[in-house]
Every structure is written in C-alpha cells, then in structure tokens.
C-alpha cells in the first residue's frame, strides 16, 4: 500500500514541511524519466500540491517540469 493511498499528505492528514521536500523528489523523477505517471496515488498527491498557491508560485518562478502536462 502506498503512503498516499491512505493519507492526504506525506505525514497523514496534516500538510507538513515533508510535502514540499517530497515534491522535489517527484520533480527529479520526472526529469530523469522515471515512470512517475504510473504512480497513481503519488500523482494525485502531486495535484493537491499544485493547487496550493505558494507551491504554484514557486514552480512557475522555477519553470518547473511539474507544470508540464503529463
């Protein structure tokens, strides 16, 4: 069972500093060509992260690959 299958955020139901840290790993996986699309629950969590205004602002500023369509 995936961590995100039972939790909204990395550490459970509360958003913590672990979430943006994990997002950096998701981004690296996408840049390195790892099969991030196959990780359904991780992808759903990434979408929740992208809906956070501060996350969106930073990713736009960095021109992140996470903003590209899957």
N, C-alpha and C. Protein backbone atom coordinates (compact mmCIF):
# COMPACT_ATOMS: atom_id res chain seq x y z
N UNK A 1 0.85 -1.18 0.00
CA UNK A 1 0.00 0.00 0.00
C UNK A 1 0.89 1.24 0.00
N UNK A 2 0.57 2.16 -0.85
CA UNK A 2 1.31 3.42 -0.96
C UNK A 2 0.97 4.34 0.21
N UNK A 3 1.93 5.15 0.60
CA UNK A 3 1.70 6.14 1.66
C UNK A 3 0.52 7.04 1.30
N UNK A 4 0.39 7.39 0.04
CA UNK A 4 -0.65 8.33 -0.38
C UNK A 4 -1.99 7.66 -0.63
N UNK A 5 -2.02 6.35 -0.61
CA UNK A 5 -3.28 5.65 -0.78
C UNK A 5 -4.17 5.86 0.45
N UNK A 6 -3.54 6.00 1.61
CA UNK A 6 -4.31 6.17 2.85
C UNK A 6 -4.17 7.55 3.47
N UNK A 7 -3.26 8.38 2.98
CA UNK A 7 -3.02 9.70 3.55
C UNK A 7 -3.23 10.80 2.51
N UNK A 8 -3.69 11.95 2.97
CA UNK A 8 -3.83 13.10 2.09
C UNK A 8 -2.48 13.73 1.83
N UNK A 9 -1.65 13.79 2.87
CA UNK A 9 -0.33 14.41 2.77
C UNK A 9 0.73 13.40 3.16
N UNK A 10 1.97 13.75 3.02
CA UNK A 10 3.09 12.84 3.26
C UNK A 10 3.04 12.21 4.66
N UNK A 11 2.72 13.01 5.66
CA UNK A 11 2.75 12.51 7.04
C UNK A 11 1.36 12.18 7.59
N UNK A 12 0.35 12.23 6.77
CA UNK A 12 -1.01 11.91 7.23
C UNK A 12 -1.99 12.92 6.69
N UNK A 13 -2.84 13.42 7.58
CA UNK A 13 -3.87 14.38 7.16
C UNK A 13 -3.42 15.83 7.31
N UNK A 14 -2.24 16.06 7.85
CA UNK A 14 -1.71 17.40 8.05
C UNK A 14 -0.58 17.69 7.07
N UNK A 15 -0.68 18.78 6.33
CA UNK A 15 0.40 19.24 5.45
C UNK A 15 1.59 19.62 6.33
N UNK A 16 2.78 19.14 5.99
CA UNK A 16 3.99 19.45 6.76
C UNK A 16 5.11 19.84 5.82
N UNK A 17 6.25 20.17 6.37
CA UNK A 17 7.41 20.50 5.55
C UNK A 17 7.92 19.30 4.76
N UNK A 18 7.47 18.10 5.12
CA UNK A 18 7.86 16.91 4.35
C UNK A 18 7.25 16.93 2.95
N UNK A 19 6.11 17.58 2.78
CA UNK A 19 5.44 17.59 1.48
C UNK A 19 6.23 18.31 0.40
N UNK A 20 6.68 19.55 0.61
CA UNK A 20 7.48 20.18 -0.44
C UNK A 20 8.81 19.45 -0.67
N UNK A 21 9.35 18.86 0.37
CA UNK A 21 10.58 18.09 0.23
C UNK A 21 10.34 16.90 -0.70
N UNK A 22 9.23 16.19 -0.50
CA UNK A 22 8.89 15.05 -1.35
C UNK A 22 8.60 15.50 -2.78
N UNK A 23 8.05 16.70 -2.94
CA UNK A 23 7.76 17.20 -4.27
C UNK A 23 9.04 17.37 -5.09
N UNK A 24 10.12 17.73 -4.41
CA UNK A 24 11.42 17.84 -5.10
C UNK A 24 11.84 16.49 -5.68
N UNK A 25 11.56 15.41 -4.96
CA UNK A 25 11.90 14.07 -5.46
C UNK A 25 11.00 13.68 -6.63
N UNK A 26 9.73 14.06 -6.57
CA UNK A 26 8.82 13.79 -7.68
C UNK A 26 9.32 14.51 -8.92
N UNK A 27 9.72 15.76 -8.76
CA UNK A 27 10.24 16.55 -9.87
C UNK A 27 11.50 15.91 -10.45
N UNK A 28 12.40 15.48 -9.60
CA UNK A 28 13.63 14.83 -10.07
C UNK A 28 13.30 13.56 -10.83
N UNK A 29 12.37 12.79 -10.33
CA UNK A 29 11.97 11.56 -11.03
C UNK A 29 11.43 11.85 -12.42
N UNK A 30 10.64 12.89 -12.53
CA UNK A 30 10.10 13.26 -13.84
C UNK A 30 11.21 13.71 -14.78
N UNK A 31 12.16 14.52 -14.27
CA UNK A 31 13.27 14.99 -15.11
C UNK A 31 14.17 13.84 -15.56
N UNK A 32 14.34 12.85 -14.71
CA UNK A 32 15.20 11.71 -15.04
C UNK A 32 14.48 10.64 -15.86
N UNK A 33 13.22 10.86 -16.16
CA UNK A 33 12.48 9.92 -16.99
C UNK A 33 11.95 8.70 -16.26
N UNK A 34 11.83 8.79 -14.94
CA UNK A 34 11.26 7.67 -14.20
C UNK A 34 9.75 7.62 -14.44
N UNK A 35 9.13 6.48 -14.25
CA UNK A 35 7.70 6.31 -14.59
C UNK A 35 6.76 6.94 -13.56
N UNK A 36 6.84 8.24 -13.37
CA UNK A 36 6.00 8.91 -12.38
C UNK A 36 4.52 8.82 -12.73
N UNK A 37 4.18 8.71 -13.98
CA UNK A 37 2.77 8.62 -14.39
C UNK A 37 2.11 7.34 -13.87
N UNK A 38 2.91 6.33 -13.65
CA UNK A 38 2.38 5.05 -13.18
C UNK A 38 2.08 5.05 -11.68
N UNK A 39 2.52 6.05 -10.97
CA UNK A 39 2.32 6.13 -9.53
C UNK A 39 1.06 6.94 -9.24
N UNK A 40 -0.09 6.29 -9.38
CA UNK A 40 -1.38 6.98 -9.33
C UNK A 40 -1.57 7.82 -8.07
N UNK A 41 -1.36 7.25 -6.90
CA UNK A 41 -1.61 7.97 -5.66
C UNK A 41 -0.60 9.10 -5.45
N UNK A 42 0.62 8.86 -5.86
CA UNK A 42 1.66 9.89 -5.78
C UNK A 42 1.29 11.04 -6.72
N UNK A 43 0.76 10.70 -7.89
CA UNK A 43 0.32 11.72 -8.84
C UNK A 43 -0.85 12.53 -8.32
N UNK A 44 -1.78 11.87 -7.63
CA UNK A 44 -2.91 12.59 -7.04
C UNK A 44 -2.43 13.55 -5.96
N UNK A 45 -1.45 13.10 -5.16
CA UNK A 45 -0.86 13.96 -4.14
C UNK A 45 -0.18 15.17 -4.81
N UNK A 46 0.55 14.90 -5.93
CA UNK A 46 1.21 16.00 -6.65
C UNK A 46 0.18 17.03 -7.09
N UNK A 47 -0.97 16.59 -7.55
CA UNK A 47 -2.02 17.53 -7.98
C UNK A 47 -2.51 18.36 -6.80
N UNK A 48 -2.63 17.74 -5.62
CA UNK A 48 -3.02 18.51 -4.43
C UNK A 48 -1.96 19.56 -4.12
N UNK A 49 -0.70 19.17 -4.27
CA UNK A 49 0.39 20.13 -4.02
C UNK A 49 0.30 21.30 -4.99
N UNK A 50 0.04 21.02 -6.27
CA UNK A 50 -0.02 22.07 -7.29
C UNK A 50 -1.17 23.04 -7.07
N UNK A 51 -2.20 22.61 -6.33
CA UNK A 51 -3.32 23.51 -6.04
C UNK A 51 -3.02 24.47 -4.90
N UNK A 52 -1.92 24.28 -4.22
CA UNK A 52 -1.52 25.20 -3.14
C UNK A 52 -0.90 26.44 -3.78
N UNK A 53 -1.44 27.64 -3.50
CA UNK A 53 -0.96 28.86 -4.16
C UNK A 53 0.55 29.08 -4.03
N UNK A 54 1.11 28.87 -2.87
CA UNK A 54 2.56 29.10 -2.70
C UNK A 54 3.37 28.13 -3.54
N UNK A 55 2.93 26.89 -3.63
CA UNK A 55 3.64 25.90 -4.44
C UNK A 55 3.57 26.30 -5.90
N UNK A 56 2.39 26.68 -6.35
CA UNK A 56 2.23 27.10 -7.74
C UNK A 56 3.12 28.29 -8.08
N UNK A 57 3.18 29.26 -7.18
CA UNK A 57 4.01 30.45 -7.40
C UNK A 57 5.47 30.08 -7.58
N UNK A 58 5.98 29.25 -6.69
CA UNK A 58 7.39 28.86 -6.76
C UNK A 58 7.67 28.05 -8.02
N UNK A 59 6.79 27.10 -8.34
CA UNK A 59 7.03 26.25 -9.51
C UNK A 59 6.99 27.06 -10.80
N UNK A 60 6.11 28.06 -10.86
CA UNK A 60 6.08 28.93 -12.04
C UNK A 60 7.38 29.73 -12.14
N UNK A 61 7.84 30.24 -11.01
CA UNK A 61 9.07 31.02 -10.99
C UNK A 61 10.25 30.17 -11.45
N UNK A 62 10.26 28.89 -11.07
CA UNK A 62 11.34 27.99 -11.43
C UNK A 62 11.16 27.33 -12.79
N UNK A 63 10.01 27.59 -13.42
CA UNK A 63 9.66 26.93 -14.70
C UNK A 63 9.79 25.41 -14.56
N UNK A 64 9.17 24.91 -13.54
CA UNK A 64 9.27 23.50 -13.16
C UNK A 64 8.64 22.56 -14.20
N UNK A 65 9.23 21.40 -14.35
CA UNK A 65 8.68 20.36 -15.22
C UNK A 65 7.36 19.85 -14.67
N UNK A 66 7.09 20.11 -13.40
CA UNK A 66 5.84 19.63 -12.82
C UNK A 66 4.63 20.38 -13.37
N UNK A 67 4.85 21.53 -13.97
CA UNK A 67 3.75 22.29 -14.55
C UNK A 67 3.42 21.85 -15.97
N UNK A 68 4.26 21.02 -16.53
CA UNK A 68 4.01 20.49 -17.89
C UNK A 68 2.95 19.40 -17.81
N UNK A 69 2.16 19.29 -18.86
CA UNK A 69 1.14 18.24 -18.90
C UNK A 69 1.81 16.87 -18.90
N UNK A 70 1.19 15.94 -18.21
CA UNK A 70 1.73 14.57 -18.17
C UNK A 70 1.47 13.82 -19.44
